[in-house]
Amino acid sequence: PFRLKAATMEVVQQTEKAFQKQAAIFQNKKRVLGAKKPGRSEVRYWKNVGLGYKTPKAAIDGNYVDKKCPFTGNVSIRGKILTGVVRSMKMKRTITVRRDYLHYLKKYNRFEKRHKNVSAHLSPAFPDIKLGDTVHIGQCRPLSKTVRFNVLRVLEDKGASKKVFTKF
């Protein structure tokens, strides 16, 4: 289910204080006599999360390092698969997803509208996500105090504003 792919790519973007590297890749390859220096091919770790979700092109060919990414990091998707609308993107690599649902009241024989907000990790494999987009999120191990889900797919923008009940 996982692949080590040799591809030519530029140096990994280092934006953190600590050196960022993929855990499955050995960095200090010995130099071989007669090896070509320019155009050296780099190896990148990526995997298919399964469940019918394709690995994004940005995860395969990209140069980011994210240990919490389900495609390039050490996170497995298991448990629930949920759908919701992106409500907030104020956190770093984390989004808030609004999930709308109906709750039945037996006394009145009617439904009432309710919603829950779920925090989900957003991999750099999805660079062009925006507010109002519909996303599929999959459950994983706890990544932080509030984050237990990872974005698996980004669907089209429905054009709804932030606090609108979008179930129907």
Protein backbone atom coordinates (compact mmCIF):
# COMPACT_ATOMS: atom_id res chain seq x y z
CA PRO A 1 0.00 0.00 0.00
CA PHE A 2 2.94 2.43 0.29
CA ARG A 3 5.47 3.44 -2.32
CA LEU A 4 8.96 4.86 -2.33
CA LYS A 5 9.15 6.83 -5.52
CA ALA A 6 12.31 8.08 -7.16
CA ALA A 7 11.59 11.36 -8.90
CA THR A 8 13.46 14.51 -9.62
CA MET A 9 12.26 17.28 -7.37
CA GLU A 10 13.59 20.41 -5.78
CA VAL A 11 14.85 20.59 -2.21
CA VAL A 12 12.21 20.28 0.53
CA GLN A 13 10.86 23.60 1.76
CA GLN A 14 12.19 24.25 5.26
CA THR A 15 9.86 26.66 7.05
CA GLU A 16 10.17 25.36 10.63
CA LYS A 17 12.97 25.80 13.16
CA ALA A 18 13.62 22.04 13.27
CA PHE A 19 14.82 20.27 10.13
CA GLN A 20 11.84 18.66 8.38
CA LYS A 21 12.27 15.25 6.73
CA GLN A 22 10.20 12.21 5.90
CA ALA A 23 10.82 9.46 8.46
CA ALA A 24 10.85 6.62 5.90
CA ILE A 25 13.60 8.17 3.76
CA PHE A 26 17.31 7.84 4.58
CA GLN A 27 18.92 11.24 3.98
CA ASN A 28 22.64 10.40 4.05
CA LYS A 29 23.15 8.23 1.01
CA LYS A 30 26.80 7.42 0.38
CA ARG A 31 28.32 8.94 -2.72
CA VAL A 32 29.17 6.40 -5.40
CA LEU A 33 32.19 6.84 -7.67
CA GLY A 34 31.16 8.03 -11.10
CA ALA A 35 27.70 9.18 -9.96
CA LYS A 36 26.27 12.27 -11.62
CA LYS A 37 25.79 15.28 -9.35
CA PRO A 38 23.35 17.47 -11.33
CA GLY A 39 19.78 16.24 -11.66
CA ARG A 40 20.10 13.90 -8.70
CA SER A 41 16.86 12.01 -8.16
CA GLU A 42 15.23 12.27 -4.75
CA VAL A 43 13.11 9.60 -3.15
CA ARG A 44 9.71 10.56 -1.73
CA TYR A 45 7.48 8.44 0.52
CA TRP A 46 3.76 8.36 -0.25
CA LYS A 47 0.93 5.87 0.16
CA ASN A 48 -2.63 5.16 -0.87
CA VAL A 49 -5.02 5.59 2.08
CA GLY A 50 -7.51 3.16 0.49
CA LEU A 51 -11.30 3.41 0.85
CA GLY A 52 -11.59 4.64 -2.75
CA TYR A 53 -9.68 7.91 -2.18
CA LYS A 54 -6.95 8.67 -4.68
CA THR A 55 -3.63 10.14 -3.59
CA PRO A 56 -3.45 13.78 -4.76
CA LYS A 57 -0.85 14.68 -7.38
CA ALA A 58 0.59 17.29 -4.99
CA ALA A 59 1.33 14.54 -2.44
CA ILE A 60 3.17 12.40 -4.99
CA ASP A 61 5.13 15.11 -6.79
CA GLY A 62 5.22 17.79 -4.08
CA ASN A 63 8.11 18.79 -1.88
CA TYR A 64 6.33 19.43 1.43
CA VAL A 65 6.94 17.46 4.63
CA ASP A 66 3.95 16.85 6.90
CA LYS A 67 4.09 14.02 9.42
CA LYS A 68 0.31 14.26 10.02
CA CYS A 69 -0.60 13.99 6.33
CA PRO A 70 -2.53 10.76 5.55
CA PHE A 71 -0.75 10.47 2.16
CA THR A 72 2.89 11.21 3.10
CA GLY A 73 2.99 10.91 6.89
CA ASN A 74 2.56 8.36 9.65
CA VAL A 75 -1.24 8.51 9.96
CA SER A 76 -3.72 5.78 9.07
CA ILE A 77 -7.39 6.42 8.34
CA ARG A 78 -9.77 4.17 10.26
CA GLY A 79 -13.25 4.57 11.70
CA LYS A 80 -15.72 7.14 10.48
CA ILE A 81 -15.75 9.00 7.17
CA LEU A 82 -17.67 12.29 7.46
CA THR A 83 -18.71 15.10 5.10
CA GLY A 84 -19.00 18.77 5.98
CA VAL A 85 -18.47 22.36 4.88
CA VAL A 86 -15.27 24.32 5.62
CA ARG A 87 -16.14 27.00 8.15
CA SER A 88 -12.79 28.35 9.37
CA MET A 89 -9.17 28.24 8.18
CA LYS A 90 -7.56 30.39 10.89
CA MET A 91 -5.33 27.66 12.33
CA LYS A 92 -2.10 26.42 10.79
CA ARG A 93 -2.79 23.27 8.72
CA THR A 94 -6.10 22.79 10.57
CA ILE A 95 -9.62 23.64 9.45
CA THR A 96 -13.00 23.68 11.17
CA VAL A 97 -15.70 21.69 9.38
CA ARG A 98 -19.39 22.33 10.05
CA ARG A 99 -21.62 19.23 9.98
CA ASP A 100 -25.38 19.83 9.73
CA TYR A 101 -27.94 17.21 10.72
CA LEU A 102 -31.58 16.85 11.75
CA HIS A 103 -32.65 15.71 15.23
CA TYR A 104 -36.08 14.14 15.68
CA LEU A 105 -38.34 15.34 18.51
CA LYS A 106 -40.84 12.60 19.32
CA LYS A 107 -43.15 14.87 21.35
CA TYR A 108 -43.75 17.27 18.45
CA ASN A 109 -43.34 14.70 15.66
CA ARG A 110 -40.91 17.03 13.92
CA PHE A 111 -37.22 17.52 13.21
CA GLU A 112 -34.99 20.34 14.41
CA LYS A 113 -31.81 21.57 12.77
CA ARG A 114 -28.56 21.04 14.64
CA HIS A 115 -24.87 21.28 13.81
CA LYS A 116 -21.48 20.27 15.15
CA ASN A 117 -18.05 21.73 14.42
CA VAL A 118 -15.19 19.27 13.84
CA SER A 119 -11.51 20.19 13.65
CA ALA A 120 -9.58 18.40 10.90
CA HIS A 121 -5.96 18.41 9.77
CA LEU A 122 -5.50 19.93 6.30
CA SER A 123 -2.56 18.51 4.39
CA PRO A 124 -0.52 20.80 2.08
CA ALA A 125 -1.62 18.40 -0.68
CA PHE A 126 -4.79 20.55 -0.90
CA PRO A 127 -3.41 24.06 -1.55
CA ASP A 128 -6.48 25.66 -3.17
CA ILE A 129 -9.14 25.01 -0.52
CA LYS A 130 -11.35 27.91 0.56
CA LEU A 131 -14.26 28.71 2.87
CA GLY A 132 -17.51 27.06 1.83
CA ASP A 133 -15.89 24.04 0.15
CA THR A 134 -17.35 20.63 0.93
CA VAL A 135 -14.77 18.16 2.25
CA HIS A 136 -14.61 14.46 3.12
CA ILE A 137 -12.76 13.85 6.39
CA GLY A 138 -11.60 10.51 7.77
CA GLN A 139 -11.05 9.54 11.38
CA CYS A 140 -7.49 8.86 12.54
CA ARG A 141 -5.55 8.74 15.80
CA PRO A 142 -5.60 11.92 17.92
CA LEU A 143 -3.28 14.45 16.27
CA SER A 144 -3.74 17.14 18.95
CA LYS A 145 -6.15 18.06 21.75
CA THR A 146 -9.09 18.63 19.39
CA VAL A 147 -8.02 17.13 16.04
CA ARG A 148 -9.01 13.52 15.29
CA PHE A 149 -9.81 13.80 11.58
CA ASN A 150 -7.86 14.31 8.35
CA VAL A 151 -9.06 15.83 5.06
CA LEU A 152 -9.24 13.14 2.35
CA ARG A 153 -10.96 14.94 -0.54
CA VAL A 154 -12.08 18.46 -1.40
CA LEU A 155 -15.33 18.81 -3.34
CA GLU A 156 -16.73 21.81 -5.18
CA ASP A 157 -17.86 25.06 -3.53
CA LYS A 158 -21.59 25.15 -2.96
CA GLY A 159 -21.59 28.94 -2.57
CA ALA A 160 -23.11 28.81 0.92
CA SER A 161 -22.07 31.29 3.58
CA LYS A 162 -20.61 30.31 6.92
CA LYS A 163 -23.62 29.89 9.20
CA VAL A 164 -26.25 28.50 6.87
CA PHE A 165 -27.85 25.11 7.41
CA THR A 166 -26.84 23.37 4.16
CA LYS A 167 -28.39 19.92 4.58
CA PHE A 168 -31.34 20.56 2.26
